[in-house]
Amino acid sequence: GVAQTKKENIDNNNNGGGDDKNKSNPPPEVIGLASLSLFHAYLNLTRGLQRDYMLEPAGSHGVWGLDDYHCVPFYLGACQMMAREQWQKDQRAKKRTNDVKVEPEQGTGTDAEAEAANRMPDNPYLPETSSHGADQPTPVDTHLDNDIWLPSIIHDRPVLEAQRSTYLYLSCIYFIQQIKPKVPFFESSPMLNDISQIGGGWSKV
């Protein structure tokens, strides 16, 4: 009796545990956003320490990094840019396939409603709002973020300032310009400057 009851309890826990585990697994999009948010917050903390205490990079002055301190953030940032690029391609292909045009009937609806109906849906890898720091600007609406960005976008100062809290790669470039404001970018970061000239999209980066 007791042994049978224990066996039944174990079987029930195993069966139930498997279902609960499957149900509790978050989708990749959620994991991606959480990872980017946490890593971005970590970088903001380390950058503050580097800036406030004038910490020098380890080794031979950043010989192992694309900037003075880092390499991995640029890789993750390029992956985020690839996700943005691929998402845009998927949405454009879907629009061409569906060929849906939403037009308000005469006397009904507004231009704002028509624009809202025609705009691209949320990109799961690009949050609309950001909480990476109070000193960071609020990024523009990513619903309407349809412009094609090549690696040379890093030289566009308004884009850097508007999007640095959303895109990890742009935040890295912006930080370099902040700590070396009087140095031309091609001198302070020759490798990153060469990378910005690569054509063919972010997959090449």
Protein backbone atom coordinates (compact mmCIF):
# COMPACT_ATOMS: atom_id res chain seq x y z
CA GLY A 1 0.00 0.00 0.00
CA VAL A 2 2.53 2.62 1.10
CA ALA A 3 5.02 1.64 -1.59
CA GLN A 4 2.33 1.71 -4.25
CA THR A 5 1.17 5.15 -3.08
CA LYS A 6 4.73 6.52 -3.20
CA LYS A 7 5.21 5.10 -6.69
CA GLU A 8 1.98 6.73 -7.88
CA ASN A 9 3.07 10.06 -6.38
CA ILE A 10 6.44 9.86 -8.11
CA ASP A 11 4.80 9.03 -11.44
CA ASN A 12 2.37 11.91 -11.06
CA ASN A 13 5.16 14.33 -10.18
CA ASN A 14 7.24 13.21 -13.13
CA ASN A 15 4.36 13.58 -15.55
CA GLY A 16 3.24 16.87 -14.15
CA GLY A 17 6.77 18.19 -13.88
CA GLY A 18 7.43 17.58 -17.54
CA ASP A 19 4.29 19.45 -18.58
CA ASP A 20 5.05 22.35 -16.25
CA LYS A 21 8.61 22.56 -17.52
CA ASN A 22 7.46 22.75 -21.13
CA LYS A 23 4.87 25.37 -20.29
CA SER A 24 7.33 27.52 -18.35
CA ASN A 25 9.94 27.74 -21.11
CA PRO A 26 9.86 31.30 -22.49
CA PRO A 27 9.99 31.80 -26.27
CA PRO A 28 13.34 32.73 -27.88
CA GLU A 29 12.17 36.30 -28.46
CA VAL A 30 11.67 36.85 -24.73
CA ILE A 31 15.07 35.33 -23.92
CA GLY A 32 16.70 37.51 -26.57
CA LEU A 33 15.15 40.72 -25.27
CA ALA A 34 16.00 39.88 -21.66
CA SER A 35 19.59 39.04 -22.56
CA LEU A 36 20.05 42.27 -24.50
CA SER A 37 18.49 44.33 -21.73
CA LEU A 38 20.64 42.77 -19.01
CA PHE A 39 23.83 43.01 -21.03
CA HIS A 40 23.07 46.60 -21.97
CA ALA A 41 22.54 47.47 -18.30
CA TYR A 42 25.82 45.77 -17.41
CA LEU A 43 27.66 47.76 -20.09
CA ASN A 44 26.17 51.02 -18.82
CA LEU A 45 27.50 50.22 -15.34
CA THR A 46 30.99 49.33 -16.55
CA ARG A 47 31.14 52.35 -18.84
CA GLY A 48 30.28 54.60 -15.93
CA LEU A 49 33.14 53.14 -13.91
CA GLN A 50 35.55 53.42 -16.83
CA ARG A 51 34.57 57.03 -17.43
CA ASP A 52 34.34 58.28 -13.83
CA TYR A 53 37.52 56.59 -12.58
CA MET A 54 39.43 56.91 -15.87
CA LEU A 55 40.21 53.20 -15.88
CA GLU A 56 42.68 52.06 -18.50
CA PRO A 57 41.96 48.90 -20.49
CA ALA A 58 43.73 45.71 -19.52
CA GLY A 59 46.59 44.40 -21.61
CA SER A 60 48.26 46.44 -24.31
CA HIS A 61 45.66 49.19 -24.36
CA GLY A 62 42.75 47.18 -25.68
CA VAL A 63 44.65 45.12 -28.20
CA TRP A 64 42.04 42.36 -27.87
CA GLY A 65 39.01 44.63 -28.29
CA LEU A 66 37.38 46.48 -31.16
CA ASP A 67 37.31 49.51 -28.91
CA ASP A 68 39.54 49.99 -25.87
CA TYR A 69 37.53 47.63 -23.69
CA HIS A 70 35.20 45.31 -25.59
CA CYS A 71 34.70 42.88 -28.43
CA VAL A 72 31.64 40.76 -27.51
CA PRO A 73 29.15 43.71 -27.43
CA PHE A 74 29.92 44.45 -31.07
CA TYR A 75 29.26 40.84 -32.01
CA LEU A 76 25.95 40.75 -30.15
CA GLY A 77 25.05 44.15 -31.53
CA ALA A 78 25.71 42.98 -35.09
CA CYS A 79 23.48 39.96 -34.42
CA GLN A 80 20.72 42.31 -33.26
CA MET A 81 21.15 44.32 -36.46
CA MET A 82 20.90 41.09 -38.46
CA ALA A 83 17.65 40.26 -36.66
CA ARG A 84 16.31 43.71 -37.54
CA GLU A 85 17.38 43.25 -41.17
CA GLN A 86 15.82 39.79 -41.45
CA TRP A 87 12.61 40.92 -39.78
CA GLN A 88 12.24 43.74 -42.29
CA LYS A 89 12.76 41.34 -45.20
CA ASP A 90 10.17 38.93 -43.79
CA GLN A 91 7.60 41.68 -43.30
CA ARG A 92 8.10 43.07 -46.80
CA ALA A 93 7.77 39.60 -48.30
CA LYS A 94 4.60 39.02 -46.31
CA LYS A 95 3.15 42.32 -47.49
CA ARG A 96 3.91 41.49 -51.11
CA THR A 97 2.28 38.09 -50.70
CA ASN A 98 -0.86 39.39 -49.06
CA ASP A 99 -1.02 42.55 -51.16
CA VAL A 100 -3.27 44.12 -48.59
CA LYS A 101 -4.04 47.77 -48.82
CA VAL A 102 -6.14 49.31 -46.09
CA GLU A 103 -8.03 52.40 -47.21
CA PRO A 104 -10.62 54.16 -45.06
CA GLU A 105 -14.08 54.35 -46.58
CA GLN A 106 -15.32 57.75 -47.59
CA GLY A 107 -16.58 59.63 -44.58
CA THR A 108 -15.20 57.10 -42.10
CA GLY A 109 -11.88 56.60 -40.42
CA THR A 110 -8.91 58.94 -40.16
CA ASP A 111 -5.45 59.20 -41.64
CA ALA A 112 -4.01 58.12 -38.30
CA GLU A 113 -6.16 54.99 -38.31
CA ALA A 114 -5.12 54.15 -41.85
CA GLU A 115 -1.45 54.64 -40.96
CA ALA A 116 -1.84 52.44 -37.89
CA ALA A 117 -3.42 49.72 -39.98
CA ASN A 118 -0.69 49.82 -42.62
CA ARG A 119 2.33 50.05 -40.36
CA MET A 120 4.57 47.07 -39.79
CA PRO A 121 3.91 44.98 -36.68
CA ASP A 122 6.16 44.79 -33.64
CA ASN A 123 9.61 43.37 -34.14
CA PRO A 124 10.11 40.91 -31.27
CA TYR A 125 13.83 41.74 -31.10
CA LEU A 126 13.34 45.50 -30.94
CA PRO A 127 11.51 46.81 -27.85
CA GLU A 128 9.44 49.95 -28.26
CA THR A 129 10.67 51.42 -24.98
CA SER A 130 13.87 51.03 -23.07
CA SER A 131 14.87 51.23 -19.39
CA HIS A 132 18.63 51.08 -19.80
CA GLY A 133 19.22 54.26 -17.82
CA ALA A 134 17.59 57.54 -16.96
CA ASP A 135 20.19 59.48 -18.95
CA GLN A 136 19.41 57.57 -22.12
CA PRO A 137 16.95 58.96 -24.67
CA THR A 138 13.71 57.22 -25.50
CA PRO A 139 14.14 55.44 -28.84
CA VAL A 140 11.90 56.29 -31.75
CA ASP A 141 8.83 54.18 -32.46
CA THR A 142 10.13 50.87 -33.78
CA HIS A 143 6.77 50.19 -35.45
CA LEU A 144 7.82 52.66 -38.15
CA ASP A 145 11.48 51.69 -38.12
CA ASN A 146 11.54 50.57 -41.75
CA ASP A 147 14.70 52.26 -43.02
CA ILE A 148 17.43 50.00 -44.33
CA TRP A 149 20.60 50.47 -42.31
CA LEU A 150 23.96 49.45 -43.70
CA PRO A 151 27.01 49.24 -41.41
CA SER A 152 27.86 52.80 -42.46
CA ILE A 153 24.89 53.97 -40.35
CA ILE A 154 27.34 54.37 -37.46
CA HIS A 155 28.47 57.65 -39.02
CA ASP A 156 24.96 59.11 -38.80
CA ARG A 157 25.04 61.13 -35.58
CA PRO A 158 21.26 61.72 -35.24
CA VAL A 159 20.60 57.97 -35.59
CA LEU A 160 23.24 57.20 -32.96
CA GLU A 161 21.71 59.61 -30.48
CA ALA A 162 18.13 58.46 -31.11
CA GLN A 163 18.75 54.70 -31.23
CA ARG A 164 21.70 54.04 -28.90
CA SER A 165 19.45 52.84 -26.08
CA THR A 166 17.82 50.25 -28.37
CA TYR A 167 20.67 48.95 -30.51
CA LEU A 168 23.73 47.56 -28.74
CA TYR A 169 26.09 48.14 -31.67
CA LEU A 170 25.14 51.80 -31.92
CA SER A 171 25.55 52.28 -28.18
CA CYS A 172 29.12 50.97 -28.45
CA ILE A 173 29.93 53.42 -31.23
CA TYR A 174 28.33 56.27 -29.32
CA PHE A 175 30.41 55.50 -26.23
CA ILE A 176 33.63 55.68 -28.24
CA GLN A 177 32.64 59.10 -29.53
CA GLN A 178 31.83 60.23 -26.01
CA ILE A 179 35.19 59.26 -24.49
CA LYS A 180 37.20 60.43 -27.53
CA PRO A 181 35.26 63.44 -28.77
CA LYS A 182 38.19 65.26 -30.36
CA VAL A 183 39.67 62.29 -32.18
CA PRO A 184 38.46 61.46 -35.71
CA PHE A 185 36.71 58.11 -35.74
CA PHE A 186 38.98 56.64 -38.42
CA GLU A 187 41.93 57.35 -36.10
CA SER A 188 40.40 56.24 -32.79
CA SER A 189 38.79 53.10 -34.21
CA PRO A 190 40.35 52.19 -37.57
CA MET A 191 39.05 48.61 -37.53
CA LEU A 192 35.48 49.66 -36.78
CA ASN A 193 35.76 52.34 -39.43
CA ASP A 194 36.83 49.71 -41.99
CA ILE A 195 33.95 47.45 -40.92
CA SER A 196 31.50 50.30 -41.52
CA GLN A 197 32.51 50.31 -45.20
CA ILE A 198 31.44 46.67 -45.70
CA GLY A 199 28.60 46.24 -48.16
CA GLY A 200 26.00 43.52 -48.32
CA GLY A 201 24.33 43.97 -44.94
CA TRP A 202 25.08 43.01 -41.37
CA SER A 203 25.59 39.33 -42.11
CA LYS A 204 28.96 40.30 -43.58
CA VAL A 205 29.91 42.02 -40.33
